[in-house]
């Protein structure tokens, strides 16, 4: 491959940022045991930025609300934008993978996090 195309192959568990450019970050979330629905302990809210989830393999669920009041089963190939200020968590099946697109400013300085387990 020439130097005009970068290829990223991510097999590590959980979230891994793979590329940042002009204020945007693309990452990959691969299954990790802590992402099984019964193990997910963290709910987060990004105060200033949206976050887009794009499932590509397996089954994934987006949990919305501080107490996970809404459960959305994600469809492969669709993009799900979680608006800033929305409490959310993600759970995944063992073979799942999804892409995440977010502002490079998304992180602990821009977020509130609750561990409820």
Protein backbone atom coordinates (compact mmCIF):
# COMPACT_ATOMS: atom_id res chain seq x y z
CA UNK A 1 0.00 0.00 0.00
CA UNK A 2 1.29 3.46 -0.76
CA UNK A 3 1.73 6.23 1.80
CA UNK A 4 -1.61 7.84 0.91
CA UNK A 5 -3.72 5.25 2.75
CA UNK A 6 -3.40 4.13 6.35
CA UNK A 7 -4.92 0.84 7.47
CA UNK A 8 -5.75 0.23 11.12
CA UNK A 9 -6.44 -3.27 12.42
CA UNK A 10 -7.51 -3.17 16.06
CA UNK A 11 -7.95 -6.38 18.03
CA UNK A 12 -7.41 -5.02 21.54
CA UNK A 13 -10.34 -5.13 23.97
CA UNK A 14 -12.62 -2.18 24.72
CA UNK A 15 -12.07 1.31 23.20
CA UNK A 16 -8.99 2.11 21.14
CA UNK A 17 -8.61 5.45 19.31
CA UNK A 18 -7.11 4.78 15.88
CA UNK A 19 -6.94 8.16 14.16
CA UNK A 20 -7.38 11.83 15.01
CA UNK A 21 -7.58 14.58 12.41
CA UNK A 22 -8.73 18.21 12.50
CA UNK A 23 -10.64 17.87 15.75
CA UNK A 24 -12.16 14.41 15.14
CA UNK A 25 -11.22 11.01 16.50
CA UNK A 26 -12.18 7.62 15.09
CA UNK A 27 -11.96 4.68 17.44
CA UNK A 28 -12.86 1.02 17.63
CA UNK A 29 -14.63 -0.77 20.47
CA UNK A 30 -14.05 -4.52 20.58
CA UNK A 31 -15.75 -6.83 23.02
CA UNK A 32 -14.29 -6.98 26.52
CA UNK A 33 -15.72 -8.94 29.43
CA UNK A 34 -16.57 -5.66 31.19
CA UNK A 35 -18.83 -4.82 28.22
CA UNK A 36 -21.16 -7.80 28.71
CA UNK A 37 -24.56 -6.36 29.56
CA UNK A 38 -24.52 -7.83 33.07
CA UNK A 39 -21.00 -6.43 33.74
CA UNK A 40 -21.31 -2.85 32.46
CA UNK A 41 -20.70 -0.62 35.48
CA UNK A 42 -20.06 2.78 33.89
CA UNK A 43 -22.60 5.30 32.60
CA UNK A 44 -21.23 8.50 31.09
CA UNK A 45 -22.40 11.86 29.84
CA UNK A 46 -20.29 14.05 27.52
CA UNK A 47 -21.15 17.64 28.37
CA UNK A 48 -19.91 19.40 25.22
CA UNK A 49 -19.71 16.81 22.46
CA UNK A 50 -21.82 14.26 20.58
CA UNK A 51 -20.59 10.69 20.08
CA UNK A 52 -21.46 8.42 17.13
CA UNK A 53 -21.54 4.61 17.40
CA UNK A 54 -21.48 2.43 14.26
CA UNK A 55 -21.77 -1.32 14.92
CA UNK A 56 -20.10 -3.59 12.37
CA UNK A 57 -20.08 -7.07 14.00
CA UNK A 58 -22.08 -8.93 16.63
CA UNK A 59 -24.76 -7.54 18.89
CA UNK A 60 -24.50 -4.22 20.69
CA UNK A 61 -26.87 -2.32 22.94
CA UNK A 62 -26.94 1.38 23.72
CA UNK A 63 -28.30 2.13 27.19
CA UNK A 64 -29.71 5.66 27.50
CA UNK A 65 -30.36 7.55 30.73
CA UNK A 66 -28.59 7.96 34.03
CA UNK A 67 -30.34 4.81 35.26
CA UNK A 68 -30.36 3.14 31.81
CA UNK A 69 -34.08 3.76 31.34
CA UNK A 70 -33.97 3.10 27.58
CA UNK A 71 -32.34 0.14 25.83
CA UNK A 72 -31.63 0.35 22.08
CA UNK A 73 -30.45 -2.75 20.21
CA UNK A 74 -28.10 -1.45 17.53
CA UNK A 75 -28.36 -2.57 13.92
CA UNK A 76 -25.16 -3.31 12.02
CA UNK A 77 -24.31 -0.61 9.50
CA UNK A 78 -26.44 2.14 11.07
CA UNK A 79 -24.95 5.17 12.82
CA UNK A 80 -26.28 6.18 16.24
CA UNK A 81 -25.52 9.73 17.39
CA UNK A 82 -25.68 10.24 21.15
CA UNK A 83 -26.22 13.97 21.66
CA UNK A 84 -24.15 15.93 24.14
CA UNK A 85 -25.60 15.90 27.64
CA UNK A 86 -27.08 12.39 27.22
CA UNK A 87 -26.22 9.71 29.78
CA UNK A 88 -25.26 6.48 28.03
CA UNK A 89 -23.45 3.15 28.21
CA UNK A 90 -22.70 0.42 25.68
CA UNK A 91 -22.85 -3.34 26.06
CA UNK A 92 -21.71 -5.93 23.53
CA UNK A 93 -21.78 -9.63 22.67
CA UNK A 94 -18.53 -11.57 22.62
CA UNK A 95 -17.98 -11.22 18.88
CA UNK A 96 -18.99 -7.56 18.61
CA UNK A 97 -17.08 -4.63 17.15
CA UNK A 98 -18.13 -1.05 16.52
CA UNK A 99 -16.62 2.18 15.33
CA UNK A 100 -16.86 5.39 17.33
CA UNK A 101 -16.57 8.88 15.85
CA UNK A 102 -16.27 11.76 18.26
CA UNK A 103 -14.76 15.17 18.75
CA UNK A 104 -11.14 14.98 19.85
CA UNK A 105 -12.28 16.97 22.90
CA UNK A 106 -14.37 14.07 24.17
CA UNK A 107 -12.86 12.65 27.34
CA UNK A 108 -12.78 12.86 31.11
CA UNK A 109 -12.45 16.68 31.10
CA UNK A 110 -15.68 16.91 29.08
CA UNK A 111 -17.65 14.17 30.83
CA UNK A 112 -19.39 13.06 33.96
CA UNK A 113 -19.08 9.38 34.85
CA UNK A 114 -21.01 7.21 37.27
CA UNK A 115 -19.94 3.73 38.35
CA UNK A 116 -23.07 2.01 39.59
CA UNK A 117 -21.83 -1.54 40.15
